[in-house]
């Protein structure tokens, strides 16, 4: 009986250990990519494209300007709301691939989680966006 209990506890410990290792690896693999710069820190070819308009305990507001041929290097966004002051055509590269989109003036967008992408203004107008990030 003692031998049976001993074997049972070893198997139980082994299964628990495997389960704990699985959980650890799962959470590590789900960790968002945070080694990328945020929208303010990211620029284009060493130059800033965003400026801080407001930064307080509740939110941060950025104004990002992209002349034709200027983009935003790969960066991450936390939860945010965006508004297009002046639109243009963009090439967007993210985990889904590459797409070209017309972003019209007056359009808005939002995101509830962490996203990463790189954008390039391929249009002929200077695009301007407001990015509002709750804290």
N, C-alpha and C. Protein backbone atom coordinates (compact mmCIF):
# COMPACT_ATOMS: atom_id res chain seq x y z
N UNK A 1 0.82 -1.19 0.00
CA UNK A 1 0.00 0.00 0.00
C UNK A 1 0.87 1.26 0.00
N UNK A 2 1.91 1.24 0.82
CA UNK A 2 2.81 2.40 0.88
C UNK A 2 3.48 2.61 -0.47
N UNK A 3 3.90 1.53 -1.11
CA UNK A 3 4.51 1.65 -2.43
C UNK A 3 3.52 2.23 -3.44
N UNK A 4 2.27 1.83 -3.38
CA UNK A 4 1.24 2.34 -4.27
C UNK A 4 1.04 3.83 -4.07
N UNK A 5 0.97 4.27 -2.81
CA UNK A 5 0.83 5.70 -2.50
C UNK A 5 2.05 6.49 -2.95
N UNK A 6 3.21 5.90 -2.77
CA UNK A 6 4.45 6.56 -3.20
C UNK A 6 4.45 6.77 -4.71
N UNK A 7 4.10 5.73 -5.47
CA UNK A 7 4.03 5.85 -6.93
C UNK A 7 2.98 6.87 -7.35
N UNK A 8 1.82 6.85 -6.66
CA UNK A 8 0.75 7.79 -6.97
C UNK A 8 1.21 9.23 -6.78
N UNK A 9 1.89 9.49 -5.64
CA UNK A 9 2.34 10.86 -5.36
C UNK A 9 3.41 11.30 -6.35
N UNK A 10 4.30 10.39 -6.78
CA UNK A 10 5.31 10.74 -7.79
C UNK A 10 4.64 11.10 -9.11
N UNK A 11 3.64 10.30 -9.53
CA UNK A 11 2.92 10.59 -10.78
C UNK A 11 2.16 11.90 -10.67
N UNK A 12 1.52 12.13 -9.53
CA UNK A 12 0.79 13.37 -9.33
C UNK A 12 1.74 14.57 -9.39
N UNK A 13 2.89 14.45 -8.70
CA UNK A 13 3.88 15.52 -8.73
C UNK A 13 4.37 15.75 -10.15
N UNK A 14 4.63 14.67 -10.87
CA UNK A 14 5.10 14.78 -12.25
C UNK A 14 4.06 15.50 -13.12
N UNK A 15 2.80 15.14 -12.99
CA UNK A 15 1.74 15.77 -13.77
C UNK A 15 1.58 17.24 -13.40
N UNK A 16 1.66 17.54 -12.11
CA UNK A 16 1.56 18.94 -11.66
C UNK A 16 2.73 19.76 -12.19
N UNK A 17 3.92 19.18 -12.18
CA UNK A 17 5.10 19.88 -12.68
C UNK A 17 4.95 20.18 -14.17
N UNK A 18 4.50 19.19 -14.93
CA UNK A 18 4.30 19.39 -16.36
C UNK A 18 3.25 20.47 -16.59
N UNK A 19 2.17 20.45 -15.83
CA UNK A 19 1.11 21.44 -15.97
C UNK A 19 1.63 22.84 -15.67
N UNK A 20 2.40 22.98 -14.62
CA UNK A 20 2.95 24.29 -14.24
C UNK A 20 3.91 24.79 -15.33
N UNK A 21 4.74 23.91 -15.86
CA UNK A 21 5.65 24.30 -16.94
C UNK A 21 4.85 24.74 -18.16
N UNK A 22 3.78 23.99 -18.49
CA UNK A 22 2.92 24.35 -19.62
C UNK A 22 2.34 25.75 -19.43
N UNK A 23 1.79 26.01 -18.22
CA UNK A 23 1.21 27.33 -17.96
C UNK A 23 2.26 28.43 -18.10
N UNK A 24 3.43 28.20 -17.57
CA UNK A 24 4.51 29.18 -17.66
C UNK A 24 4.83 29.48 -19.12
N UNK A 25 5.03 28.43 -19.92
CA UNK A 25 5.35 28.63 -21.34
C UNK A 25 4.21 29.30 -22.08
N UNK A 26 2.99 28.97 -21.74
CA UNK A 26 1.82 29.59 -22.38
C UNK A 26 1.80 31.10 -22.12
N UNK A 27 1.99 31.49 -20.85
CA UNK A 27 1.95 32.91 -20.54
C UNK A 27 3.14 33.67 -21.11
N UNK A 28 4.29 33.03 -21.19
CA UNK A 28 5.44 33.67 -21.81
C UNK A 28 5.17 33.92 -23.29
N UNK A 29 4.57 32.93 -23.97
CA UNK A 29 4.31 33.09 -25.40
C UNK A 29 3.21 34.11 -25.67
N UNK A 30 2.34 34.37 -24.70
CA UNK A 30 1.26 35.34 -24.87
C UNK A 30 1.68 36.75 -24.50
N UNK A 31 2.86 36.88 -23.97
CA UNK A 31 3.34 38.20 -23.55
C UNK A 31 3.41 39.13 -24.75
N UNK A 32 2.79 40.32 -24.69
CA UNK A 32 2.84 41.22 -25.83
C UNK A 32 4.26 41.70 -26.09
N UNK A 33 4.50 42.06 -27.35
CA UNK A 33 5.81 42.54 -27.76
C UNK A 33 5.97 43.97 -27.27
N UNK A 34 6.69 44.13 -26.16
CA UNK A 34 6.82 45.46 -25.56
C UNK A 34 8.20 46.06 -25.75
N UNK A 35 9.08 45.35 -26.45
CA UNK A 35 10.40 45.92 -26.66
C UNK A 35 10.41 46.94 -27.80
N UNK A 36 9.26 47.11 -28.46
CA UNK A 36 9.13 48.12 -29.50
C UNK A 36 8.80 49.47 -28.88
N UNK A 37 9.15 50.56 -29.55
CA UNK A 37 8.80 51.88 -29.01
C UNK A 37 7.29 52.12 -29.09
N UNK A 38 6.81 53.04 -28.26
CA UNK A 38 5.40 53.46 -28.36
C UNK A 38 5.31 54.52 -29.48
N UNK A 39 4.11 55.00 -29.81
CA UNK A 39 3.98 55.94 -30.93
C UNK A 39 4.81 57.22 -30.78
N UNK A 40 4.93 57.73 -29.56
CA UNK A 40 5.71 58.95 -29.38
C UNK A 40 7.20 58.69 -29.57
N UNK A 41 7.69 57.57 -29.02
CA UNK A 41 9.11 57.25 -29.11
C UNK A 41 9.53 56.87 -30.52
N UNK A 42 8.62 56.24 -31.25
CA UNK A 42 8.93 55.82 -32.62
C UNK A 42 8.99 57.05 -33.53
N UNK A 43 9.77 56.96 -34.53
CA UNK A 43 9.86 58.06 -35.50
C UNK A 43 9.99 57.49 -36.90
N UNK A 44 10.65 58.23 -37.75
CA UNK A 44 10.91 57.78 -39.11
C UNK A 44 12.29 58.24 -39.50
N UNK A 45 13.19 57.30 -39.74
CA UNK A 45 14.57 57.59 -40.13
C UNK A 45 15.23 58.55 -39.15
N UNK A 46 15.02 58.29 -37.85
CA UNK A 46 15.66 59.07 -36.80
C UNK A 46 14.99 60.37 -36.43
N UNK A 47 13.87 60.71 -37.05
CA UNK A 47 13.18 61.97 -36.74
C UNK A 47 11.81 61.67 -36.14
N UNK A 48 11.42 62.46 -35.16
CA UNK A 48 10.11 62.32 -34.52
C UNK A 48 9.00 62.68 -35.50
N UNK A 49 7.88 61.96 -35.40
CA UNK A 49 6.71 62.29 -36.21
C UNK A 49 5.52 62.68 -35.32
N UNK A 50 5.66 62.45 -34.01
CA UNK A 50 4.58 62.78 -33.07
C UNK A 50 5.06 63.78 -32.04
N UNK A 51 4.13 64.61 -31.59
CA UNK A 51 4.40 65.53 -30.49
C UNK A 51 3.33 65.33 -29.43
N UNK A 52 3.68 65.59 -28.19
CA UNK A 52 2.73 65.44 -27.09
C UNK A 52 1.97 66.75 -26.93
N UNK A 53 0.65 66.68 -27.06
CA UNK A 53 -0.20 67.86 -26.85
C UNK A 53 -0.68 67.95 -25.41
N UNK A 54 -0.88 66.81 -24.77
CA UNK A 54 -1.38 66.74 -23.39
C UNK A 54 -0.87 65.46 -22.76
N UNK A 55 -0.44 65.55 -21.52
CA UNK A 55 -0.01 64.36 -20.78
C UNK A 55 -0.30 64.61 -19.32
N UNK A 56 -1.32 63.91 -18.81
CA UNK A 56 -1.67 64.07 -17.40
C UNK A 56 -1.95 62.70 -16.79
N UNK A 57 -2.51 62.68 -15.60
CA UNK A 57 -2.74 61.41 -14.90
C UNK A 57 -3.79 60.54 -15.59
N UNK A 58 -4.67 61.13 -16.41
CA UNK A 58 -5.76 60.37 -17.02
C UNK A 58 -5.53 60.00 -18.48
N UNK A 59 -4.78 60.84 -19.23
CA UNK A 59 -4.59 60.53 -20.65
C UNK A 59 -3.37 61.21 -21.23
N UNK A 60 -2.98 60.72 -22.41
CA UNK A 60 -1.92 61.33 -23.20
C UNK A 60 -2.50 61.55 -24.59
N UNK A 61 -2.27 62.75 -25.15
CA UNK A 61 -2.76 63.07 -26.48
C UNK A 61 -1.55 63.40 -27.35
N UNK A 62 -1.45 62.69 -28.48
CA UNK A 62 -0.37 62.89 -29.43
C UNK A 62 -0.92 63.46 -30.73
N UNK A 63 -0.15 64.30 -31.37
CA UNK A 63 -0.44 64.75 -32.73
C UNK A 63 0.70 64.22 -33.59
N UNK A 64 0.34 63.38 -34.58
CA UNK A 64 1.34 62.74 -35.43
C UNK A 64 1.16 63.23 -36.87
N UNK A 65 2.27 63.68 -37.47
CA UNK A 65 2.23 64.29 -38.80
C UNK A 65 3.12 63.49 -39.76
N UNK A 66 2.53 63.13 -40.93
CA UNK A 66 3.24 62.31 -41.91
C UNK A 66 3.16 62.95 -43.29
N UNK A 67 4.20 63.70 -43.68
CA UNK A 67 4.24 64.20 -45.06
C UNK A 67 4.34 63.01 -46.03
N UNK A 68 4.07 63.22 -47.31
CA UNK A 68 4.22 62.14 -48.27
C UNK A 68 5.63 61.53 -48.19
N UNK A 69 5.70 60.20 -48.22
CA UNK A 69 6.98 59.50 -48.14
C UNK A 69 7.51 59.30 -46.74
N UNK A 70 6.78 59.79 -45.73
CA UNK A 70 7.21 59.64 -44.34
C UNK A 70 6.28 58.65 -43.66
N UNK A 71 6.85 57.85 -42.79
CA UNK A 71 6.06 56.85 -42.08
C UNK A 71 6.33 56.86 -40.59
N UNK A 72 6.02 55.74 -39.99
CA UNK A 72 6.19 55.53 -38.56
C UNK A 72 6.79 54.14 -38.41
N UNK A 73 8.05 54.10 -37.93
CA UNK A 73 8.73 52.81 -37.79
C UNK A 73 7.89 51.86 -36.93
N UNK A 74 8.22 50.58 -36.98
CA UNK A 74 7.45 49.58 -36.24
C UNK A 74 7.38 49.98 -34.77
N UNK A 75 6.15 50.01 -34.25
CA UNK A 75 5.93 50.44 -32.87
C UNK A 75 4.69 49.73 -32.32
N UNK A 76 4.44 49.92 -31.05
CA UNK A 76 3.25 49.30 -30.43
C UNK A 76 2.30 50.37 -29.91
N UNK A 77 1.04 50.02 -29.89
CA UNK A 77 -0.01 50.86 -29.32
C UNK A 77 -0.69 50.10 -28.20
N UNK A 78 -0.92 50.78 -27.11
CA UNK A 78 -1.82 50.26 -26.09
C UNK A 78 -3.21 50.76 -26.46
N UNK A 79 -4.18 50.57 -25.59
CA UNK A 79 -5.53 51.04 -25.85
C UNK A 79 -5.49 52.52 -26.24
N UNK A 80 -6.20 52.85 -27.33
CA UNK A 80 -6.20 54.24 -27.79
C UNK A 80 -7.40 54.52 -28.69
N UNK A 81 -7.64 55.80 -28.89
CA UNK A 81 -8.63 56.29 -29.86
C UNK A 81 -7.88 57.25 -30.76
N UNK A 82 -8.14 57.19 -32.05
CA UNK A 82 -7.47 58.08 -32.99
C UNK A 82 -8.47 58.82 -33.87
N UNK A 83 -8.09 60.01 -34.26
CA UNK A 83 -8.91 60.83 -35.15
C UNK A 83 -8.02 61.37 -36.26
N UNK A 84 -8.51 61.30 -37.50
CA UNK A 84 -7.76 61.76 -38.67
C UNK A 84 -8.12 63.21 -38.96
N UNK A 85 -7.17 64.12 -38.70
CA UNK A 85 -7.37 65.54 -38.99
C UNK A 85 -7.26 65.75 -40.50
N UNK A 86 -6.24 65.16 -41.10
CA UNK A 86 -6.06 65.21 -42.56
C UNK A 86 -5.64 63.81 -43.00
N UNK A 87 -6.37 63.24 -43.93
CA UNK A 87 -6.09 61.88 -44.38
C UNK A 87 -5.15 61.80 -45.57
N UNK A 88 -4.79 60.59 -45.92
CA UNK A 88 -3.94 60.30 -47.07
C UNK A 88 -4.02 58.80 -47.34
N UNK A 89 -3.17 58.31 -48.21
CA UNK A 89 -3.10 56.88 -48.49
C UNK A 89 -1.88 56.30 -47.79
N UNK A 90 -2.06 55.14 -47.12
CA UNK A 90 -1.00 54.54 -46.32
C UNK A 90 -0.75 53.09 -46.70
N UNK A 91 0.50 52.69 -46.56
CA UNK A 91 0.88 51.28 -46.62
C UNK A 91 1.10 50.86 -45.16
N UNK A 92 0.34 49.88 -44.72
CA UNK A 92 0.40 49.41 -43.33
C UNK A 92 0.95 48.00 -43.31
N UNK A 93 1.98 47.78 -42.51
CA UNK A 93 2.57 46.46 -42.34
C UNK A 93 2.34 46.02 -40.90
N UNK A 94 1.67 44.87 -40.74
CA UNK A 94 1.45 44.31 -39.40
C UNK A 94 1.52 42.79 -39.49
N UNK A 95 1.10 42.11 -38.44
CA UNK A 95 1.21 40.65 -38.40
C UNK A 95 0.31 39.98 -39.44
N UNK A 96 -0.67 40.70 -39.97
CA UNK A 96 -1.54 40.14 -41.00
C UNK A 96 -0.96 40.29 -42.41
N UNK A 97 0.11 41.06 -42.54
CA UNK A 97 0.72 41.28 -43.86
C UNK A 97 0.82 42.76 -44.18
N UNK A 98 0.78 43.07 -45.47
CA UNK A 98 0.90 44.44 -45.95
C UNK A 98 -0.37 44.80 -46.70
N UNK A 99 -0.91 45.98 -46.39
CA UNK A 99 -2.08 46.45 -47.13
C UNK A 99 -1.97 47.95 -47.36
N UNK A 100 -2.62 48.40 -48.40
CA UNK A 100 -2.68 49.83 -48.71
C UNK A 100 -4.10 50.29 -48.46
N UNK A 101 -4.24 51.39 -47.72
CA UNK A 101 -5.58 51.89 -47.38
C UNK A 101 -5.64 53.40 -47.54
N UNK A 102 -6.78 53.86 -48.01
CA UNK A 102 -7.07 55.29 -48.01
C UNK A 102 -7.66 55.63 -46.66
N UNK A 103 -7.04 56.57 -45.97
CA UNK A 103 -7.54 57.00 -44.66
C UNK A 103 -8.16 58.38 -44.87
N UNK A 104 -9.49 58.46 -44.87
CA UNK A 104 -10.14 59.74 -45.16
C UNK A 104 -10.07 60.73 -44.00
N UNK A 105 -10.04 62.00 -44.33
CA UNK A 105 -10.13 63.06 -43.32
C UNK A 105 -11.42 62.88 -42.53
N UNK A 106 -11.33 63.04 -41.23
CA UNK A 106 -12.50 62.92 -40.36
C UNK A 106 -12.80 61.51 -39.89
N UNK A 107 -12.01 60.54 -40.32
CA UNK A 107 -12.26 59.16 -39.87
C UNK A 107 -11.65 58.96 -38.49
N UNK A 108 -12.18 57.97 -37.79
CA UNK A 108 -11.64 57.65 -36.47
C UNK A 108 -11.37 56.16 -36.39
N UNK A 109 -10.59 55.78 -35.39
CA UNK A 109 -10.22 54.38 -35.19
C UNK A 109 -9.93 54.19 -33.72
N UNK A 110 -10.00 52.94 -33.27
CA UNK A 110 -9.69 52.65 -31.87
C UNK A 110 -9.16 51.24 -31.75
N UNK A 111 -8.54 50.98 -30.62
CA UNK A 111 -7.98 49.68 -30.34
C UNK A 111 -8.07 49.44 -28.84
N UNK A 112 -8.47 48.25 -28.47
CA UNK A 112 -8.62 47.90 -27.05
C UNK A 112 -7.43 47.15 -26.49
N UNK A 113 -6.51 46.71 -27.32
CA UNK A 113 -5.38 45.92 -26.83
C UNK A 113 -4.08 46.43 -27.38
N UNK A 114 -3.05 45.64 -27.20
CA UNK A 114 -1.74 46.03 -27.71
C UNK A 114 -1.61 45.56 -29.15
N UNK A 115 -1.26 46.48 -30.03
CA UNK A 115 -1.05 46.16 -31.44
C UNK A 115 0.31 46.68 -31.87
N UNK A 116 0.84 46.09 -32.90
CA UNK A 116 2.10 46.57 -33.47
C UNK A 116 1.92 46.73 -34.98
N UNK A 117 2.57 47.74 -35.52
CA UNK A 117 2.54 47.95 -36.96
C UNK A 117 3.58 48.99 -37.37
N UNK A 118 3.75 49.09 -38.69
CA UNK A 118 4.57 50.14 -39.29
C UNK A 118 3.73 50.75 -40.40
N UNK A 119 3.80 52.06 -40.56
CA UNK A 119 3.01 52.71 -41.61
C UNK A 119 3.90 53.62 -42.45
N UNK A 120 3.46 53.83 -43.69
CA UNK A 120 4.16 54.73 -44.61
C UNK A 120 3.12 55.50 -45.40
N UNK A 121 3.23 56.82 -45.43
CA UNK A 121 2.32 57.65 -46.21
C UNK A 121 2.75 57.56 -47.67
N UNK A 122 1.93 56.87 -48.48
CA UNK A 122 2.23 56.71 -49.91
C UNK A 122 1.33 57.63 -50.74
N UNK A 123 0.57 58.48 -50.07
CA UNK A 123 -0.29 59.43 -50.77
C UNK A 123 0.44 60.70 -51.12
N UNK A 124 -0.33 61.69 -51.59
CA UNK A 124 0.28 62.96 -52.00
C UNK A 124 -0.08 64.12 -51.07
N UNK A 125 -0.70 63.81 -49.92
CA UNK A 125 -1.05 64.84 -48.94
C UNK A 125 -0.37 64.54 -47.60
N UNK A 126 -0.08 65.58 -46.84
CA UNK A 126 0.43 65.40 -45.49
C UNK A 126 -0.73 64.96 -44.59
N UNK A 127 -0.57 63.83 -43.93
CA UNK A 127 -1.60 63.29 -43.04
C UNK A 127 -1.29 63.72 -41.60
N UNK A 128 -2.36 64.00 -40.85
CA UNK A 128 -2.22 64.42 -39.46
C UNK A 128 -3.26 63.65 -38.64
N UNK A 129 -2.81 63.07 -37.53
CA UNK A 129 -3.68 62.28 -36.65
C UNK A 129 -3.56 62.74 -35.21
N UNK A 130 -4.64 62.63 -34.46
CA UNK A 130 -4.63 62.75 -33.02
C UNK A 130 -4.75 61.34 -32.45
N UNK A 131 -3.91 61.01 -31.50
CA UNK A 131 -3.96 59.71 -30.82
C UNK A 131 -4.22 60.00 -29.34
N UNK A 132 -5.30 59.47 -28.81
CA UNK A 132 -5.69 59.70 -27.42
C UNK A 132 -5.57 58.38 -26.67
N UNK A 133 -4.69 58.37 -25.66
CA UNK A 133 -4.40 57.15 -24.91
C UNK A 133 -4.84 57.32 -23.46
N UNK A 134 -5.85 56.57 -23.01
CA UNK A 134 -6.20 56.63 -21.59
C UNK A 134 -5.11 55.94 -20.76
N UNK A 135 -4.94 56.41 -19.55
CA UNK A 135 -3.94 55.79 -18.66
C UNK A 135 -4.62 54.94 -17.62
